[in-house]
Amino acid sequence: MSEPNKDGTDIMMALLMGLSGPRASKAWNESQQIKAESFLTMAEHWINQTADENTRLKAEVERLTKAGDAMASSIQFNEEMAKDYNGPTIVHQSVQRWNAAKEGKGQP
């Protein structure tokens, strides 16, 4: 018998030609192996894409968190400068909300 076809037509040919026993069984096993290899290749590709996307998103979260921290610091600094250091410093409401969001909490 020649090399099996990768598209599974070898099984159909075996059935049409009335092959049975070891030759038909071999064709079936080879086609199942090809299907399994295709599935594994697709799964590996999906896993790699997911890992790449996860890495990209972690970097983006870190970048946005740093930007948010800088913005909160600027807001708080402006709040303190407006009070001209007279009286107690009150944490600005937007800074409180940012800190709560970073901790995964709702609004304070």
PDB file of N, CA and C in Angstrom:
ATOM      1  N   MET A   1       0.853  -1.192   0.000  1.00  0.00           N
ATOM      2  CA  MET A   1       0.000   0.000   0.000  1.00  0.00           C
ATOM      3  C   MET A   1       0.884   1.234   0.000  1.00  0.00           C
ATOM      4  N   SER A   2       0.484   2.286  -0.679  1.00  0.00           N
ATOM      5  CA  SER A   2       1.275   3.514  -0.746  1.00  0.00           C
ATOM      6  C   SER A   2       1.146   4.293   0.565  1.00  0.00           C
ATOM      7  N   GLU A   3       1.857   5.422   0.596  1.00  0.00           N
ATOM      8  CA  GLU A   3       1.803   6.281   1.781  1.00  0.00           C
ATOM      9  C   GLU A   3       0.365   6.754   1.982  1.00  0.00           C
ATOM     10  N   PRO A   4      -0.085   6.869   3.251  1.00  0.00           N
ATOM     11  CA  PRO A   4      -1.454   7.331   3.495  1.00  0.00           C
ATOM     12  C   PRO A   4      -1.607   8.802   3.130  1.00  0.00           C
ATOM     13  N   ASN A   5      -2.792   9.157   2.664  1.00  0.00           N
ATOM     14  CA  ASN A   5      -3.083  10.548   2.353  1.00  0.00           C
ATOM     15  C   ASN A   5      -3.335  11.289   3.648  1.00  0.00           C
ATOM     16  N   LYS A   6      -2.909  12.536   3.690  1.00  0.00           N
ATOM     17  CA  LYS A   6      -3.053  13.338   4.906  1.00  0.00           C
ATOM     18  C   LYS A   6      -4.494  13.803   5.126  1.00  0.00           C
ATOM     19  N   ASP A   7      -5.317  13.740   4.115  1.00  0.00           N
ATOM     20  CA  ASP A   7      -6.688  14.231   4.261  1.00  0.00           C
ATOM     21  C   ASP A   7      -7.684  13.157   4.668  1.00  0.00           C
ATOM     22  N   GLY A   8      -7.229  11.961   4.916  1.00  0.00           N
ATOM     23  CA  GLY A   8      -8.105  10.892   5.371  1.00  0.00           C
ATOM     24  C   GLY A   8      -8.753  10.102   4.257  1.00  0.00           C
ATOM     25  N   THR A   9      -8.445  10.425   2.989  1.00  0.00           N
ATOM     26  CA  THR A   9      -9.080   9.689   1.895  1.00  0.00           C
ATOM     27  C   THR A   9      -8.588   8.252   1.824  1.00  0.00           C
ATOM     28  N   ASP A  10      -7.453   7.952   2.477  1.00  0.00           N
ATOM     29  CA  ASP A  10      -6.963   6.580   2.472  1.00  0.00           C
ATOM     30  C   ASP A  10      -7.959   5.640   3.147  1.00  0.00           C
ATOM     31  N   ILE A  11      -8.672   6.129   4.142  1.00  0.00           N
ATOM     32  CA  ILE A  11      -9.677   5.309   4.821  1.00  0.00           C
ATOM     33  C   ILE A  11     -10.828   5.017   3.873  1.00  0.00           C
ATOM     34  N   MET A  12     -11.269   6.074   3.174  1.00  0.00           N
ATOM     35  CA  MET A  12     -12.369   5.890   2.230  1.00  0.00           C
ATOM     36  C   MET A  12     -11.978   4.911   1.133  1.00  0.00           C
ATOM     37  N   MET A  13     -10.749   5.039   0.637  1.00  0.00           N
ATOM     38  CA  MET A  13     -10.296   4.122  -0.408  1.00  0.00           C
ATOM     39  C   MET A  13     -10.258   2.686   0.116  1.00  0.00           C
ATOM     40  N   ALA A  14      -9.811   2.526   1.336  1.00  0.00           N
ATOM     41  CA  ALA A  14      -9.753   1.187   1.923  1.00  0.00           C
ATOM     42  C   ALA A  14     -11.148   0.596   2.018  1.00  0.00           C
ATOM     43  N   LEU A  15     -12.119   1.420   2.403  1.00  0.00           N
ATOM     44  CA  LEU A  15     -13.491   0.930   2.511  1.00  0.00           C
ATOM     45  C   LEU A  15     -14.064   0.601   1.139  1.00  0.00           C
ATOM     46  N   LEU A  16     -13.811   1.503   0.169  1.00  0.00           N
ATOM     47  CA  LEU A  16     -14.340   1.280  -1.167  1.00  0.00           C
ATOM     48  C   LEU A  16     -13.727   0.040  -1.833  1.00  0.00           C
ATOM     49  N   MET A  17     -12.453  -0.177  -1.559  1.00  0.00           N
ATOM     50  CA  MET A  17     -11.771  -1.319  -2.176  1.00  0.00           C
ATOM     51  C   MET A  17     -12.029  -2.614  -1.400  1.00  0.00           C
ATOM     52  N   GLY A  18     -12.754  -2.508  -0.307  1.00  0.00           N
ATOM     53  CA  GLY A  18     -13.087  -3.699   0.460  1.00  0.00           C
ATOM     54  C   GLY A  18     -11.946  -4.207   1.310  1.00  0.00           C
ATOM     55  N   LEU A  19     -11.006  -3.332   1.635  1.00  0.00           N
ATOM     56  CA  LEU A  19      -9.904  -3.760   2.473  1.00  0.00           C
ATOM     57  C   LEU A  19     -10.398  -3.980   3.891  1.00  0.00           C
ATOM     58  N   SER A  20      -9.869  -4.950   4.510  1.00  0.00           N
ATOM     59  CA  SER A  20     -10.240  -5.208   5.891  1.00  0.00           C
ATOM     60  C   SER A  20      -9.005  -5.693   6.623  1.00  0.00           C
ATOM     61  N   GLY A  21      -9.171  -5.905   7.886  1.00  0.00           N
ATOM     62  CA  GLY A  21      -8.073  -6.446   8.669  1.00  0.00           C
ATOM     63  C   GLY A  21      -6.975  -5.431   8.912  1.00  0.00           C
ATOM     64  N   PRO A  22      -5.728  -5.903   8.924  1.00  0.00           N
ATOM     65  CA  PRO A  22      -4.603  -5.055   9.317  1.00  0.00           C
ATOM     66  C   PRO A  22      -4.401  -3.831   8.430  1.00  0.00           C
ATOM     67  N   ARG A  23      -4.636  -3.958   7.110  1.00  0.00           N
ATOM     68  CA  ARG A  23      -4.392  -2.813   6.230  1.00  0.00           C
ATOM     69  C   ARG A  23      -5.400  -1.702   6.479  1.00  0.00           C
ATOM     70  N   ALA A  24      -6.667  -2.039   6.619  1.00  0.00           N
ATOM     71  CA  ALA A  24      -7.688  -1.026   6.903  1.00  0.00           C
ATOM     72  C   ALA A  24      -7.463  -0.446   8.296  1.00  0.00           C
ATOM     73  N   SER A  25      -7.096  -1.278   9.246  1.00  0.00           N
ATOM     74  CA  SER A  25      -6.847  -0.826  10.603  1.00  0.00           C
ATOM     75  C   SER A  25      -5.662   0.133  10.646  1.00  0.00           C
ATOM     76  N   LYS A  26      -4.634  -0.170   9.863  1.00  0.00           N
ATOM     77  CA  LYS A  26      -3.447   0.694   9.810  1.00  0.00           C
ATOM     78  C   LYS A  26      -3.826   2.062   9.250  1.00  0.00           C
ATOM     79  N   ALA A  27      -4.636   2.066   8.200  1.00  0.00           N
ATOM     80  CA  ALA A  27      -5.064   3.327   7.606  1.00  0.00           C
ATOM     81  C   ALA A  27      -5.860   4.152   8.615  1.00  0.00           C
ATOM     82  N   TRP A  28      -6.730   3.497   9.348  1.00  0.00           N
ATOM     83  CA  TRP A  28      -7.527   4.176  10.376  1.00  0.00           C
ATOM     84  C   TRP A  28      -6.616   4.764  11.452  1.00  0.00           C
ATOM     85  N   ASN A  29      -5.680   4.006  11.945  1.00  0.00           N
ATOM     86  CA  ASN A  29      -4.772   4.468  12.990  1.00  0.00           C
ATOM     87  C   ASN A  29      -3.930   5.655  12.513  1.00  0.00           C
ATOM     88  N   GLU A  30      -3.455   5.564  11.265  1.00  0.00           N
ATOM     89  CA  GLU A  30      -2.658   6.661  10.729  1.00  0.00           C
ATOM     90  C   GLU A  30      -3.487   7.935  10.602  1.00  0.00           C
ATOM     91  N   SER A  31      -4.725   7.813  10.184  1.00  0.00           N
ATOM     92  CA  SER A  31      -5.569   9.008  10.056  1.00  0.00           C
ATOM     93  C   SER A  31      -5.862   9.612  11.433  1.00  0.00           C
ATOM     94  N   GLN A  32      -6.051   8.765  12.435  1.00  0.00           N
ATOM     95  CA  GLN A  32      -6.301   9.270  13.782  1.00  0.00           C
ATOM     96  C   GLN A  32      -5.059   9.967  14.337  1.00  0.00           C
ATOM     97  N   GLN A  33      -3.899   9.449  14.013  1.00  0.00           N
ATOM     98  CA  GLN A  33      -2.654  10.066  14.453  1.00  0.00           C
ATOM     99  C   GLN A  33      -2.499  11.447  13.811  1.00  0.00           C
ATOM    100  N   ILE A  34      -2.835  11.548  12.533  1.00  0.00           N
ATOM    101  CA  ILE A  34      -2.751  12.834  11.841  1.00  0.00           C
ATOM    102  C   ILE A  34      -3.704  13.835  12.473  1.00  0.00           C
ATOM    103  N   LYS A  35      -4.917  13.397  12.797  1.00  0.00           N
ATOM    104  CA  LYS A  35      -5.886  14.285  13.445  1.00  0.00           C
ATOM    105  C   LYS A  35      -5.375  14.731  14.810  1.00  0.00           C
ATOM    106  N   ALA A  36      -4.801  13.809  15.572  1.00  0.00           N
ATOM    107  CA  ALA A  36      -4.280  14.148  16.893  1.00  0.00           C
ATOM    108  C   ALA A  36      -3.126  15.138  16.785  1.00  0.00           C
ATOM    109  N   GLU A  37      -2.243  14.937  15.819  1.00  0.00           N
ATOM    110  CA  GLU A  37      -1.113  15.849  15.626  1.00  0.00           C
ATOM    111  C   GLU A  37      -1.606  17.245  15.235  1.00  0.00           C
ATOM    112  N   SER A  38      -2.625  17.306  14.393  1.00  0.00           N
ATOM    113  CA  SER A  38      -3.199  18.598  14.002  1.00  0.00           C
ATOM    114  C   SER A  38      -3.795  19.307  15.212  1.00  0.00           C
ATOM    115  N   PHE A  39      -4.514  18.560  16.024  1.00  0.00           N
ATOM    116  CA  PHE A  39      -5.117  19.137  17.218  1.00  0.00           C
ATOM    117  C   PHE A  39      -4.040  19.660  18.162  1.00  0.00           C
ATOM    118  N   LEU A  40      -2.984  18.898  18.369  1.00  0.00           N
ATOM    119  CA  LEU A  40      -1.904  19.332  19.251  1.00  0.00           C
ATOM    120  C   LEU A  40      -1.215  20.577  18.716  1.00  0.00           C
ATOM    121  N   THR A  41      -1.027  20.646  17.410  1.00  0.00           N
ATOM    122  CA  THR A  41      -0.413  21.836  16.806  1.00  0.00           C
ATOM    123  C   THR A  41      -1.286  23.057  17.040  1.00  0.00           C
ATOM    124  N   MET A  42      -2.595  22.918  16.847  1.00  0.00           N
ATOM    125  CA  MET A  42      -3.516  24.026  17.081  1.00  0.00           C
ATOM    126  C   MET A  42      -3.508  24.432  18.554  1.00  0.00           C
ATOM    127  N   ALA A  43      -3.494  23.451  19.456  1.00  0.00           N
ATOM    128  CA  ALA A  43      -3.486  23.741  20.887  1.00  0.00           C
ATOM    129  C   ALA A  43      -2.208  24.482  21.283  1.00  0.00           C
ATOM    130  N   GLU A  44      -1.075  24.047  20.778  1.00  0.00           N
ATOM    131  CA  GLU A  44       0.192  24.720  21.074  1.00  0.00           C
ATOM    132  C   GLU A  44       0.172  26.159  20.570  1.00  0.00           C
ATOM    133  N   HIS A  45      -0.362  26.362  19.379  1.00  0.00           N
ATOM    134  CA  HIS A  45      -0.457  27.708  18.810  1.00  0.00           C
ATOM    135  C   HIS A  45      -1.332  28.595  19.703  1.00  0.00           C
ATOM    136  N   TRP A  46      -2.476  28.079  20.142  1.00  0.00           N
ATOM    137  CA  TRP A  46      -3.386  28.833  21.002  1.00  0.00           C
ATOM    138  C   TRP A  46      -2.716  29.163  22.328  1.00  0.00           C
ATOM    139  N   ILE A  47      -2.004  28.201  22.912  1.00  0.00           N
ATOM    140  CA  ILE A  47      -1.318  28.433  24.193  1.00  0.00           C
ATOM    141  C   ILE A  47      -0.272  29.527  24.036  1.00  0.00           C
ATOM    142  N   ASN A  48       0.492  29.483  22.946  1.00  0.00           N
ATOM    143  CA  ASN A  48       1.508  30.511  22.713  1.00  0.00           C
ATOM    144  C   ASN A  48       0.883  31.884  22.534  1.00  0.00           C
ATOM    145  N   GLN A  49      -0.221  31.950  21.795  1.00  0.00           N
ATOM    146  CA  GLN A  49      -0.902  33.235  21.608  1.00  0.00           C
ATOM    147  C   GLN A  49      -1.417  33.767  22.944  1.00  0.00           C
ATOM    148  N   THR A  50      -1.981  32.883  23.754  1.00  0.00           N
ATOM    149  CA  THR A  50      -2.523  33.282  25.048  1.00  0.00           C
ATOM    150  C   THR A  50      -1.411  33.792  25.962  1.00  0.00           C
ATOM    151  N   ALA A  51      -0.284  33.110  25.969  1.00  0.00           N
ATOM    152  CA  ALA A  51       0.847  33.533  26.802  1.00  0.00           C
ATOM    153  C   ALA A  51       1.366  34.895  26.353  1.00  0.00           C
ATOM    154  N   ASP A  52       1.472  35.105  25.049  1.00  0.00           N
ATOM    155  CA  ASP A  52       1.931  36.392  24.522  1.00  0.00           C
ATOM    156  C   ASP A  52       0.964  37.515  24.905  1.00  0.00           C
ATOM    157  N   GLU A  53      -0.320  37.251  24.776  1.00  0.00           N
ATOM    158  CA  GLU A  53      -1.335  38.248  25.115  1.00  0.00           C
ATOM    159  C   GLU A  53      -1.301  38.547  26.614  1.00  0.00           C
ATOM    160  N   ASN A  54      -1.108  37.528  27.437  1.00  0.00           N
ATOM    161  CA  ASN A  54      -1.024  37.706  28.884  1.00  0.00           C
ATOM    162  C   ASN A  54       0.164  38.599  29.244  1.00  0.00           C
ATOM    163  N   THR A  55       1.299  38.356  28.629  1.00  0.00           N
ATOM    164  CA  THR A  55       2.492  39.168  28.870  1.00  0.00           C
ATOM    165  C   THR A  55       2.254  40.613  28.455  1.00  0.00           C
ATOM    166  N   ARG A  56       1.630  40.811  27.296  1.00  0.00           N
ATOM    167  CA  ARG A  56       1.347  42.156  26.811  1.00  0.00           C
ATOM    168  C   ARG A  56       0.403  42.903  27.756  1.00  0.00           C
ATOM    169  N   LEU A  57      -0.628  42.198  28.225  1.00  0.00           N
ATOM    170  CA  LEU A  57      -1.599  42.841  29.112  1.00  0.00           C
ATOM    171  C   LEU A  57      -0.989  43.184  30.468  1.00  0.00           C
ATOM    172  N   LYS A  58      -0.129  42.320  30.994  1.00  0.00           N
ATOM    173  CA  LYS A  58       0.543  42.626  32.263  1.00  0.00           C
ATOM    174  C   LYS A  58       1.387  43.887  32.130  1.00  0.00           C
ATOM    175  N   ALA A  59       2.112  44.016  31.028  1.00  0.00           N
ATOM    176  CA  ALA A  59       2.939  45.200  30.801  1.00  0.00           C
ATOM    177  C   ALA A  59       2.063  46.452  30.694  1.00  0.00           C
ATOM    178  N   GLU A  60       0.912  46.318  30.023  1.00  0.00           N
ATOM    179  CA  GLU A  60       0.016  47.458  29.878  1.00  0.00           C
ATOM    180  C   GLU A  60      -0.575  47.871  31.221  1.00  0.00           C
ATOM    181  N   VAL A  61      -0.956  46.903  32.043  1.00  0.00           N
ATOM    182  CA  VAL A  61      -1.487  47.211  33.377  1.00  0.00           C
ATOM    183  C   VAL A  61      -0.432  47.924  34.211  1.00  0.00           C
ATOM    184  N   GLU A  62       0.804  47.442  34.152  1.00  0.00           N
ATOM    185  CA  GLU A  62       1.879  48.084  34.908  1.00  0.00           C
ATOM    186  C   GLU A  62       2.091  49.525  34.441  1.00  0.00           C
ATOM    187  N   ARG A  63       2.094  49.736  33.139  1.00  0.00           N
ATOM    188  CA  ARG A  63       2.283  51.082  32.589  1.00  0.00           C
ATOM    189  C   ARG A  63       1.151  52.008  33.018  1.00  0.00           C
ATOM    190  N   LEU A  64      -0.091  51.536  32.942  1.00  0.00           N
ATOM    191  CA  LEU A  64      -1.235  52.365  33.315  1.00  0.00           C
ATOM    192  C   LEU A  64      -1.282  52.634  34.816  1.00  0.00           C
ATOM    193  N   THR A  65      -0.863  51.669  35.610  1.00  0.00           N
ATOM    194  CA  THR A  65      -0.819  51.865  37.059  1.00  0.00           C
ATOM    195  C   THR A  65       0.199  52.946  37.415  1.00  0.00           C
ATOM    196  N   LYS A  66       1.360  52.899  36.769  1.00  0.00           N
ATOM    197  CA  LYS A  66       2.368  53.938  37.016  1.00  0.00           C
ATOM    198  C   LYS A  66       1.843  55.315  36.607  1.00  0.00           C
ATOM    199  N   ALA A  67       1.141  55.382  35.491  1.00  0.00           N
ATOM    200  CA  ALA A  67       0.574  56.653  35.044  1.00  0.00           C
ATOM    201  C   ALA A  67      -0.478  57.147  36.040  1.00  0.00           C
ATOM    202  N   GLY A  68      -1.309  56.245  36.535  1.00  0.00           N
ATOM    203  CA  GLY A  68      -2.322  56.611  37.519  1.00  0.00           C
ATOM    204  C   GLY A  68      -1.699  57.093  38.823  1.00  0.00           C
ATOM    205  N   ASP A  69      -0.630  56.422  39.253  1.00  0.00           N
ATOM    206  CA  ASP A  69       0.069  56.852  40.466  1.00  0.00           C
ATOM    207  C   ASP A  69       0.651  58.252  40.296  1.00  0.00           C
ATOM    208  N   ALA A  70       1.225  58.510  39.121  1.00  0.00           N
ATOM    209  CA  ALA A  70       1.792  59.831  38.861  1.00  0.00           C
ATOM    210  C   ALA A  70       0.700  60.897  38.852  1.00  0.00           C
ATOM    211  N   MET A  71      -0.445  60.566  38.265  1.00  0.00           N
ATOM    212  CA  MET A  71      -1.550  61.509  38.225  1.00  0.00           C
ATOM    213  C   MET A  71      -2.076  61.778  39.643  1.00  0.00           C
ATOM    214  N   ALA A  72      -2.225  60.730  40.440  1.00  0.00           N
ATOM    215  CA  ALA A  72      -2.712  60.893  41.817  1.00  0.00           C
ATOM    216  C   ALA A  72      -1.737  61.731  42.636  1.00  0.00           C
ATOM    217  N   SER A  73      -0.459  61.500  42.428  1.00  0.00           N
ATOM    218  CA  SER A  73       0.556  62.283  43.141  1.00  0.00           C
ATOM    219  C   SER A  73       0.477  63.752  42.761  1.00  0.00           C
ATOM    220  N   SER A  74       0.280  64.017  41.487  1.00  0.00           N
ATOM    221  CA  SER A  74       0.165  65.397  41.014  1.00  0.00           C
ATOM    222  C   SER A  74      -1.080  66.065  41.589  1.00  0.00           C
ATOM    223  N   ILE A  75      -2.193  65.355  41.605  1.00  0.00           N
ATOM    224  CA  ILE A  75      -3.438  65.901  42.159  1.00  0.00           C
ATOM    225  C   ILE A  75      -3.242  66.230  43.633  1.00  0.00           C
ATOM    226  N   GLN A  76      -2.641  65.303  44.369  1.00  0.00           N
ATOM    227  CA  GLN A  76      -2.437  65.522  45.794  1.00  0.00           C
ATOM    228  C   GLN A  76      -1.482  66.693  46.043  1.00  0.00           C
ATOM    229  N   PHE A  77      -0.427  66.773  45.225  1.00  0.00           N
ATOM    230  CA  PHE A  77       0.522  67.888  45.362  1.00  0.00           C
ATOM    231  C   PHE A  77      -0.187  69.217  45.138  1.00  0.00           C
ATOM    232  N   ASN A  78      -1.013  69.290  44.087  1.00  0.00           N
ATOM    233  CA  ASN A  78      -1.750  70.525  43.807  1.00  0.00           C
ATOM    234  C   ASN A  78      -2.714  70.867  44.933  1.00  0.00           C
ATOM    235  N   GLU A  79      -3.317  69.858  45.541  1.00  0.00           N
ATOM    236  CA  GLU A  79      -4.229  70.067  46.673  1.00  0.00           C
ATOM    237  C   GLU A  79      -3.464  70.678  47.843  1.00  0.00           C
ATOM    238  N   GLU A  80      -2.273  70.158  48.107  1.00  0.00           N
ATOM    239  CA  GLU A  80      -1.463  70.663  49.220  1.00  0.00           C
ATOM    240  C   GLU A  80      -0.972  72.080  48.935  1.00  0.00           C
ATOM    241  N   MET A  81      -0.600  72.341  47.699  1.00  0.00           N
ATOM    242  CA  MET A  81      -0.126  73.678  47.353  1.00  0.00           C
ATOM    243  C   MET A  81      -1.252  74.703  47.447  1.00  0.00           C
ATOM    244  N   ALA A  82      -2.462  74.309  47.113  1.00  0.00           N
ATOM    245  CA  ALA A  82      -3.597  75.224  47.186  1.00  0.00           C
ATOM    246  C   ALA A  82      -3.879  75.610  48.638  1.00  0.00           C
ATOM    247  N   LYS A  83      -3.637  74.700  49.563  1.00  0.00           N
ATOM    248  CA  LYS A  83      -3.869  74.987  50.974  1.00  0.00           C
ATOM    249  C   LYS A  83      -2.708  75.774  51.573  1.00  0.00           C
ATOM    250  N   ASP A  84      -1.622  75.854  50.818  1.00  0.00           N
ATOM    251  CA  ASP A  84      -0.438  76.588  51.246  1.00  0.00           C
ATOM    252  C   ASP A  84       0.024  76.100  52.619  1.00  0.00           C
ATOM    253  N   TYR A  85      -0.123  74.827  52.845  1.00  0.00           N
ATOM    254  CA  TYR A  85       0.329  74.157  54.063  1.00  0.00           C
ATOM    255  C   TYR A  85      -0.318  74.703  55.331  1.00  0.00           C
ATOM    256  N   ASN A  86      -1.477  75.320  55.195  1.00  0.00           N
ATOM    257  CA  ASN A  86      -2.207  75.781  56.382  1.00  0.00           C
ATOM    258  C   ASN A  86      -3.215  74.712  56.754  1.00  0.00           C
ATOM    259  N   GLY A  87      -3.113  74.173  57.900  1.00  0.00           N
ATOM    260  CA  GLY A  87      -4.043  73.172  58.370  1.00  0.00           C
ATOM    261  C   GLY A  87      -3.665  71.790  57.890  1.00  0.00           C
ATOM    262  N   PRO A  88      -4.441  70.808  58.295  1.00  0.00           N
ATOM    263  CA  PRO A  88      -4.113  69.413  57.946  1.00  0.00           C
ATOM    264  C   PRO A  88      -4.324  69.150  56.451  1.00  0.00           C
ATOM    265  N   THR A  89      -3.504  68.288  55.935  1.00  0.00           N
ATOM    266  CA  THR A  89      -3.633  67.905  54.536  1.00  0.00           C
ATOM    267  C   THR A  89      -4.728  66.854  54.407  1.00  0.00           C
ATOM    268  N   ILE A  90      -5.622  67.079  53.512  1.00  0.00           N
ATOM    269  CA  ILE A  90      -6.711  66.136  53.272  1.00  0.00           C
ATOM    270  C   ILE A  90      -6.435  65.453  51.937  1.00  0.00           C
ATOM    271  N   VAL A  91      -6.535  64.140  51.947  1.00  0.00           N
ATOM    272  CA  VAL A  91      -6.307  63.399  50.700  1.00  0.00           C
ATOM    273  C   VAL A  91      -7.482  63.672  49.764  1.00  0.00           C
ATOM    274  N   HIS A  92      -7.162  64.113  48.576  1.00  0.00           N
ATOM    275  CA  HIS A  92      -8.177  64.458  47.588  1.00  0.00           C
ATOM    276  C   HIS A  92      -9.042  63.230  47.291  1.00  0.00           C
ATOM    277  N   GLN A  93     -10.323  63.465  47.057  1.00  0.00           N
ATOM    278  CA  GLN A  93     -11.271  62.369  46.845  1.00  0.00           C
ATOM    279  C   GLN A  93     -10.887  61.494  45.645  1.00  0.00           C
ATOM    280  N   SER A  94     -10.392  62.086  44.565  1.00  0.00           N
ATOM    281  CA  SER A  94     -10.020  61.282  43.402  1.00  0.00           C
ATOM    282  C   SER A  94      -8.805  60.404  43.716  1.00  0.00           C
ATOM    283  N   VAL A  95      -7.910  60.883  44.574  1.00  0.00           N
ATOM    284  CA  VAL A  95      -6.757  60.084  44.993  1.00  0.00           C
ATOM    285  C   VAL A  95      -7.231  58.914  45.854  1.00  0.00           C
ATOM    286  N   GLN A  96      -8.196  59.164  46.733  1.00  0.00           N
ATOM    287  CA  GLN A  96      -8.767  58.082  47.544  1.00  0.00           C
ATOM    288  C   GLN A  96      -9.395  57.009  46.644  1.00  0.00           C
ATOM    289  N   ARG A  97     -10.112  57.448  45.639  1.00  0.00           N
ATOM    290  CA  ARG A  97     -10.747  56.494  44.724  1.00  0.00           C
ATOM    291  C   ARG A  97      -9.710  55.698  43.929  1.00  0.00           C
ATOM    292  N   TRP A  98      -8.654  56.367  43.496  1.00  0.00           N
ATOM    293  CA  TRP A  98      -7.590  55.676  42.757  1.00  0.00           C
ATOM    294  C   TRP A  98      -6.937  54.607  43.636  1.00  0.00           C
ATOM    295  N   ASN A  99      -6.623  54.964  44.862  1.00  0.00           N
ATOM    296  CA  ASN A  99      -5.988  53.998  45.770  1.00  0.00           C
ATOM    297  C   ASN A  99      -6.910  52.800  46.053  1.00  0.00           C
ATOM    298  N   ALA A 100      -8.196  53.077  46.202  1.00  0.00           N
ATOM    299  CA  ALA A 100      -9.154  51.992  46.424  1.00  0.00           C
ATOM    300  C   ALA A 100      -9.242  51.081  45.198  1.00  0.00           C
ATOM    301  N   ALA A 101      -9.233  51.687  44.014  1.00  0.00           N
ATOM    302  CA  ALA A 101      -9.308  50.893  42.779  1.00  0.00           C
ATOM    303  C   ALA A 101      -8.065  50.016  42.616  1.00  0.00           C
ATOM    304  N   LYS A 102      -6.911  50.536  42.956  1.00  0.00           N
ATOM    305  CA  LYS A 102      -5.673  49.743  42.863  1.00  0.00           C
ATOM    306  C   LYS A 102      -5.712  48.541  43.783  1.00  0.00           C
ATOM    307  N   GLU A 103      -6.371  48.692  44.919  1.00  0.00           N
ATOM    308  CA  GLU A 103      -6.474  47.599  45.888  1.00  0.00           C
ATOM    309  C   GLU A 103      -7.633  46.642  45.558  1.00  0.00           C
ATOM    310  N   GLY A 104      -8.367  46.961  44.489  1.00  0.00           N
ATOM    311  CA  GLY A 104      -9.483  46.124  44.078  1.00  0.00           C
ATOM    312  C   GLY A 104     -10.743  46.358  44.895  1.00  0.00           C
ATOM    313  N   LYS A 105     -10.806  47.475  45.560  1.00  0.00           N
ATOM    314  CA  LYS A 105     -11.977  47.794  46.358  1.00  0.00           C
ATOM    315  C   LYS A 105     -12.867  48.743  45.584  1.00  0.00           C
ATOM    316  N   GLY A 106     -14.074  48.888  46.074  1.00  0.00           N
ATOM    317  CA  GLY A 106     -14.991  49.863  45.480  1.00  0.00           C
ATOM    318  C   GLY A 106     -14.623  51.245  45.957  1.00  0.00           C
ATOM    319  N   GLN A 107     -15.522  52.163  45.813  1.00  0.00           N
ATOM    320  CA  GLN A 107     -15.259  53.533  46.272  1.00  0.00           C
ATOM    321  C   GLN A 107     -15.165  53.559  47.792  1.00  0.00           C
ATOM    322  N   PRO A 108     -14.313  54.424  48.337  1.00  0.00           N
ATOM    323  CA  PRO A 108     -14.154  54.512  49.787  1.00  0.00           C
ATOM    324  C   PRO A 108     -15.387  55.042  50.476  1.00  0.00           C
TER     325      PRO A 108
END
